[in-house]
Amino acid sequence: MTLNELNKYIKTLRSRGSTGIEVYEVEKYTRYTAPFTIFILVFMGVIVSSRKSRGGTGLQIALGFLLSFIFILFFTLFRTFAENGSMPPQISVWIPNIIFGIISLIMYKYVPR
């Protein structure tokens, strides 16, 4: 569905009094946060790859994979919270971006110049 179709479908479900609308709302808000997610992960990847080490690049690659895995874990965790109705979808899709944005800024502070 396009974003307009998704908005109309959510509105239709609400007018019918359906349950399970959270799944569609999470999808809608995830589409808004995806560009920011990409920017944050690319920024984090640039920071990790900019470090020079004598032992090779294996540690940087492992760190990049680890951070990406943790991000996906957080994203899935908070998405599940929102789909179950434990958290508002507007907030839950932004929490991983906020957390990893802060982590990226902290990492940027300690990048060797």
N, C-alpha and C. Protein backbone atom coordinates (compact mmCIF):
# COMPACT_ATOMS: atom_id res chain seq x y z
N MET A 1 0.83 -1.19 0.00
CA MET A 1 0.00 0.00 0.00
C MET A 1 0.88 1.25 0.00
N THR A 2 0.41 2.26 -0.65
CA THR A 2 1.09 3.54 -0.55
C THR A 2 0.71 4.18 0.78
N LEU A 3 1.36 5.26 1.10
CA LEU A 3 1.10 5.92 2.37
C LEU A 3 -0.33 6.46 2.43
N ASN A 4 -0.82 7.01 1.33
CA ASN A 4 -2.20 7.52 1.31
C ASN A 4 -3.20 6.38 1.48
N GLU A 5 -2.95 5.25 0.81
CA GLU A 5 -3.84 4.11 0.94
C GLU A 5 -3.82 3.57 2.37
N LEU A 6 -2.63 3.56 2.97
CA LEU A 6 -2.50 3.08 4.34
C LEU A 6 -3.26 4.00 5.31
N ASN A 7 -3.16 5.31 5.12
CA ASN A 7 -3.90 6.25 5.96
C ASN A 7 -5.41 6.05 5.83
N LYS A 8 -5.88 5.86 4.60
CA LYS A 8 -7.31 5.62 4.38
C LYS A 8 -7.75 4.31 5.02
N TYR A 9 -6.91 3.30 4.92
CA TYR A 9 -7.25 1.99 5.51
C TYR A 9 -7.32 2.08 7.03
N ILE A 10 -6.38 2.80 7.63
CA ILE A 10 -6.40 2.99 9.09
C ILE A 10 -7.65 3.75 9.50
N LYS A 11 -7.99 4.76 8.74
CA LYS A 11 -9.20 5.54 9.04
C LYS A 11 -10.45 4.67 8.92
N THR A 12 -10.48 3.81 7.90
CA THR A 12 -11.62 2.90 7.72
C THR A 12 -11.72 1.92 8.89
N LEU A 13 -10.58 1.37 9.30
CA LEU A 13 -10.59 0.43 10.42
C LEU A 13 -11.05 1.11 11.71
N ARG A 14 -10.61 2.34 11.92
CA ARG A 14 -11.04 3.08 13.12
C ARG A 14 -12.54 3.34 13.11
N SER A 15 -13.06 3.71 11.94
CA SER A 15 -14.49 4.00 11.87
C SER A 15 -15.33 2.74 12.09
N ARG A 16 -14.78 1.58 11.76
CA ARG A 16 -15.49 0.31 12.00
C ARG A 16 -15.34 -0.17 13.44
N GLY A 17 -14.39 0.41 14.16
CA GLY A 17 -14.16 -0.01 15.53
C GLY A 17 -13.32 -1.28 15.63
N SER A 18 -12.51 -1.52 14.64
CA SER A 18 -11.69 -2.73 14.60
C SER A 18 -10.56 -2.67 15.62
N THR A 19 -10.08 -3.84 15.98
CA THR A 19 -8.90 -3.94 16.83
C THR A 19 -7.70 -4.30 15.95
N GLY A 20 -6.53 -4.13 16.49
CA GLY A 20 -5.32 -4.47 15.74
C GLY A 20 -4.87 -3.38 14.78
N ILE A 21 -5.33 -2.18 15.00
CA ILE A 21 -4.94 -1.05 14.14
C ILE A 21 -3.48 -0.69 14.38
N GLU A 22 -2.97 -1.03 15.55
CA GLU A 22 -1.60 -0.66 15.92
C GLU A 22 -0.58 -1.18 14.91
N VAL A 23 -0.83 -2.35 14.35
CA VAL A 23 0.10 -2.93 13.38
C VAL A 23 0.25 -2.01 12.18
N TYR A 24 -0.85 -1.48 11.71
CA TYR A 24 -0.82 -0.59 10.55
C TYR A 24 -0.24 0.78 10.90
N GLU A 25 -0.53 1.23 12.12
CA GLU A 25 0.05 2.51 12.55
C GLU A 25 1.57 2.40 12.69
N VAL A 26 2.04 1.29 13.22
CA VAL A 26 3.49 1.08 13.34
C VAL A 26 4.13 1.09 11.95
N GLU A 27 3.49 0.45 10.99
CA GLU A 27 4.02 0.44 9.62
C GLU A 27 4.07 1.86 9.06
N LYS A 28 3.03 2.62 9.32
CA LYS A 28 2.97 4.01 8.83
C LYS A 28 4.10 4.85 9.41
N TYR A 29 4.29 4.78 10.73
CA TYR A 29 5.33 5.58 11.36
C TYR A 29 6.72 5.05 11.06
N THR A 30 6.84 3.77 10.80
CA THR A 30 8.14 3.21 10.41
C THR A 30 8.58 3.78 9.07
N ARG A 31 7.64 4.02 8.19
CA ARG A 31 7.97 4.62 6.89
C ARG A 31 8.51 6.04 7.05
N TYR A 32 8.07 6.75 8.07
CA TYR A 32 8.60 8.09 8.33
C TYR A 32 9.99 8.04 8.95
N THR A 33 10.25 7.04 9.77
CA THR A 33 11.53 6.98 10.48
C THR A 33 12.64 6.31 9.68
N ALA A 34 12.30 5.61 8.62
CA ALA A 34 13.31 4.87 7.84
C ALA A 34 14.44 5.76 7.31
N PRO A 35 14.17 6.93 6.75
CA PRO A 35 15.29 7.77 6.29
C PRO A 35 16.23 8.18 7.42
N PHE A 36 15.70 8.45 8.58
CA PHE A 36 16.54 8.82 9.72
C PHE A 36 17.36 7.63 10.19
N THR A 37 16.76 6.46 10.15
CA THR A 37 17.47 5.24 10.51
C THR A 37 18.66 5.02 9.60
N ILE A 38 18.46 5.19 8.32
CA ILE A 38 19.53 5.01 7.35
C ILE A 38 20.65 6.01 7.62
N PHE A 39 20.29 7.26 7.86
CA PHE A 39 21.29 8.28 8.13
C PHE A 39 22.10 7.94 9.39
N ILE A 40 21.43 7.52 10.44
CA ILE A 40 22.11 7.21 11.70
C ILE A 40 23.05 6.02 11.53
N LEU A 41 22.59 4.96 10.85
CA LEU A 41 23.43 3.78 10.67
C LEU A 41 24.63 4.06 9.76
N VAL A 42 24.42 4.87 8.73
CA VAL A 42 25.55 5.24 7.86
C VAL A 42 26.55 6.08 8.64
N PHE A 43 26.07 7.02 9.43
CA PHE A 43 26.95 7.85 10.26
C PHE A 43 27.75 6.98 11.22
N MET A 44 27.09 6.01 11.82
CA MET A 44 27.77 5.11 12.74
C MET A 44 28.80 4.25 12.01
N GLY A 45 28.45 3.80 10.81
CA GLY A 45 29.39 3.01 10.02
C GLY A 45 30.62 3.79 9.61
N VAL A 46 30.44 5.05 9.28
CA VAL A 46 31.58 5.90 8.92
C VAL A 46 32.49 6.10 10.13
N ILE A 47 31.91 6.27 11.29
CA ILE A 47 32.71 6.44 12.51
C ILE A 47 33.50 5.18 12.81
N VAL A 48 32.86 4.03 12.70
CA VAL A 48 33.54 2.77 12.98
C VAL A 48 34.65 2.52 11.97
N SER A 49 34.40 2.82 10.71
CA SER A 49 35.40 2.54 9.67
C SER A 49 36.54 3.55 9.65
N SER A 50 36.37 4.68 10.30
CA SER A 50 37.42 5.70 10.27
C SER A 50 38.55 5.42 11.25
N ARG A 51 38.34 4.49 12.13
CA ARG A 51 39.39 4.16 13.11
C ARG A 51 40.46 3.29 12.45
N LYS A 52 41.69 3.63 12.71
CA LYS A 52 42.82 2.87 12.19
C LYS A 52 43.34 1.96 13.30
N SER A 53 43.70 0.74 12.92
CA SER A 53 44.27 -0.16 13.91
C SER A 53 45.37 -0.99 13.26
N ARG A 54 46.28 -1.45 14.05
CA ARG A 54 47.39 -2.24 13.54
C ARG A 54 46.98 -3.67 13.22
N GLY A 55 46.02 -4.18 13.94
CA GLY A 55 45.64 -5.58 13.78
C GLY A 55 44.78 -5.86 12.56
N GLY A 56 44.38 -4.88 11.81
CA GLY A 56 43.53 -5.08 10.66
C GLY A 56 42.14 -4.52 10.89
N THR A 57 41.27 -4.84 9.96
CA THR A 57 39.93 -4.27 10.01
C THR A 57 38.90 -5.23 10.60
N GLY A 58 39.32 -6.38 11.04
CA GLY A 58 38.38 -7.37 11.57
C GLY A 58 37.58 -6.86 12.75
N LEU A 59 38.22 -6.14 13.66
CA LEU A 59 37.52 -5.62 14.83
C LEU A 59 36.48 -4.57 14.42
N GLN A 60 36.81 -3.72 13.47
CA GLN A 60 35.85 -2.70 13.02
C GLN A 60 34.65 -3.34 12.33
N ILE A 61 34.90 -4.38 11.53
CA ILE A 61 33.80 -5.07 10.86
C ILE A 61 32.90 -5.74 11.89
N ALA A 62 33.51 -6.41 12.86
CA ALA A 62 32.74 -7.07 13.92
C ALA A 62 31.93 -6.06 14.73
N LEU A 63 32.54 -4.91 15.04
CA LEU A 63 31.84 -3.87 15.78
C LEU A 63 30.66 -3.32 14.98
N GLY A 64 30.86 -3.12 13.69
CA GLY A 64 29.78 -2.65 12.83
C GLY A 64 28.62 -3.64 12.78
N PHE A 65 28.93 -4.92 12.64
CA PHE A 65 27.89 -5.94 12.65
C PHE A 65 27.18 -6.01 14.00
N LEU A 66 27.93 -5.91 15.06
CA LEU A 66 27.35 -5.96 16.40
C LEU A 66 26.39 -4.79 16.63
N LEU A 67 26.82 -3.59 16.26
CA LEU A 67 25.95 -2.42 16.43
C LEU A 67 24.70 -2.53 15.57
N SER A 68 24.85 -3.02 14.35
CA SER A 68 23.68 -3.19 13.48
C SER A 68 22.73 -4.23 14.04
N PHE A 69 23.28 -5.33 14.56
CA PHE A 69 22.45 -6.37 15.16
C PHE A 69 21.69 -5.84 16.37
N ILE A 70 22.36 -5.07 17.20
CA ILE A 70 21.72 -4.50 18.39
C ILE A 70 20.62 -3.51 17.98
N PHE A 71 20.88 -2.73 16.92
CA PHE A 71 19.86 -1.81 16.43
C PHE A 71 18.62 -2.57 15.97
N ILE A 72 18.83 -3.63 15.19
CA ILE A 72 17.71 -4.42 14.70
C ILE A 72 16.95 -5.05 15.87
N LEU A 73 17.67 -5.49 16.88
CA LEU A 73 17.05 -6.06 18.07
C LEU A 73 16.18 -5.02 18.78
N PHE A 74 16.72 -3.81 18.97
CA PHE A 74 15.95 -2.74 19.61
C PHE A 74 14.73 -2.38 18.77
N PHE A 75 14.91 -2.27 17.46
CA PHE A 75 13.81 -1.91 16.57
C PHE A 75 12.70 -2.95 16.65
N THR A 76 13.06 -4.22 16.63
CA THR A 76 12.07 -5.29 16.72
C THR A 76 11.38 -5.30 18.07
N LEU A 77 12.15 -5.09 19.13
CA LEU A 77 11.60 -5.07 20.48
C LEU A 77 10.56 -3.96 20.64
N PHE A 78 10.91 -2.75 20.24
CA PHE A 78 9.98 -1.63 20.41
C PHE A 78 8.81 -1.70 19.44
N ARG A 79 9.03 -2.30 18.28
CA ARG A 79 7.93 -2.50 17.34
C ARG A 79 6.91 -3.47 17.95
N THR A 80 7.40 -4.52 18.59
CA THR A 80 6.52 -5.48 19.24
C THR A 80 5.74 -4.82 20.37
N PHE A 81 6.40 -3.97 21.15
CA PHE A 81 5.69 -3.23 22.21
C PHE A 81 4.54 -2.42 21.62
N ALA A 82 4.80 -1.75 20.52
CA ALA A 82 3.77 -0.90 19.92
C ALA A 82 2.64 -1.73 19.32
N GLU A 83 2.97 -2.86 18.70
CA GLU A 83 1.94 -3.68 18.09
C GLU A 83 1.05 -4.34 19.13
N ASN A 84 1.59 -4.59 20.31
CA ASN A 84 0.78 -5.17 21.39
C ASN A 84 -0.01 -4.12 22.16
N GLY A 85 0.23 -2.85 21.87
CA GLY A 85 -0.50 -1.78 22.55
C GLY A 85 0.13 -1.33 23.84
N SER A 86 1.35 -1.78 24.14
CA SER A 86 2.03 -1.37 25.37
C SER A 86 2.57 0.04 25.29
N MET A 87 2.91 0.47 24.09
CA MET A 87 3.47 1.81 23.87
C MET A 87 2.77 2.45 22.68
N PRO A 88 2.71 3.77 22.67
CA PRO A 88 2.16 4.44 21.47
C PRO A 88 3.10 4.22 20.27
N PRO A 89 2.54 3.93 19.10
CA PRO A 89 3.39 3.67 17.92
C PRO A 89 4.26 4.85 17.53
N GLN A 90 3.76 6.09 17.75
CA GLN A 90 4.55 7.26 17.37
C GLN A 90 5.85 7.32 18.15
N ILE A 91 5.84 6.89 19.37
CA ILE A 91 7.03 6.97 20.23
C ILE A 91 7.92 5.76 20.03
N SER A 92 7.32 4.59 19.94
CA SER A 92 8.11 3.36 19.91
C SER A 92 8.98 3.23 18.68
N VAL A 93 8.56 3.76 17.54
CA VAL A 93 9.40 3.65 16.35
C VAL A 93 10.56 4.64 16.36
N TRP A 94 10.46 5.67 17.19
CA TRP A 94 11.54 6.65 17.28
C TRP A 94 12.59 6.31 18.33
N ILE A 95 12.25 5.51 19.31
CA ILE A 95 13.18 5.22 20.42
C ILE A 95 14.50 4.62 19.94
N PRO A 96 14.52 3.60 19.06
CA PRO A 96 15.82 3.10 18.60
C PRO A 96 16.65 4.16 17.88
N ASN A 97 15.99 5.01 17.10
CA ASN A 97 16.72 6.08 16.41
C ASN A 97 17.33 7.06 17.40
N ILE A 98 16.59 7.40 18.43
CA ILE A 98 17.09 8.34 19.43
C ILE A 98 18.27 7.72 20.19
N ILE A 99 18.11 6.48 20.61
CA ILE A 99 19.18 5.82 21.36
C ILE A 99 20.45 5.71 20.52
N PHE A 100 20.31 5.25 19.29
CA PHE A 100 21.50 5.07 18.47
C PHE A 100 22.03 6.38 17.91
N GLY A 101 21.18 7.39 17.83
CA GLY A 101 21.68 8.72 17.48
C GLY A 101 22.59 9.26 18.57
N ILE A 102 22.20 9.05 19.82
CA ILE A 102 23.03 9.47 20.95
C ILE A 102 24.32 8.66 20.99
N ILE A 103 24.22 7.35 20.75
CA ILE A 103 25.43 6.51 20.71
C ILE A 103 26.37 6.98 19.61
N SER A 104 25.81 7.33 18.46
CA SER A 104 26.64 7.83 17.35
C SER A 104 27.34 9.12 17.71
N LEU A 105 26.64 10.01 18.36
CA LEU A 105 27.27 11.27 18.77
C LEU A 105 28.38 11.05 19.79
N ILE A 106 28.16 10.11 20.71
CA ILE A 106 29.21 9.78 21.68
C ILE A 106 30.41 9.16 20.97
N MET A 107 30.14 8.27 20.03
CA MET A 107 31.24 7.67 19.27
C MET A 107 32.00 8.73 18.46
N TYR A 108 31.27 9.69 17.90
CA TYR A 108 31.90 10.75 17.11
C TYR A 108 32.83 11.60 17.98
N LYS A 109 32.44 11.78 19.23
CA LYS A 109 33.25 12.57 20.14
C LYS A 109 34.62 11.94 20.35
N TYR A 110 34.71 10.61 20.30
CA TYR A 110 35.96 9.92 20.58
C TYR A 110 36.69 9.41 19.32
N VAL A 111 36.29 9.89 18.15
CA VAL A 111 36.99 9.50 16.92
C VAL A 111 38.33 10.23 16.89
N PRO A 112 39.42 9.50 16.63
CA PRO A 112 40.72 10.20 16.54
C PRO A 112 40.74 11.13 15.33
N ARG A 113 41.34 12.27 15.53
CA ARG A 113 41.38 13.29 14.47
C ARG A 113 42.64 13.16 13.65
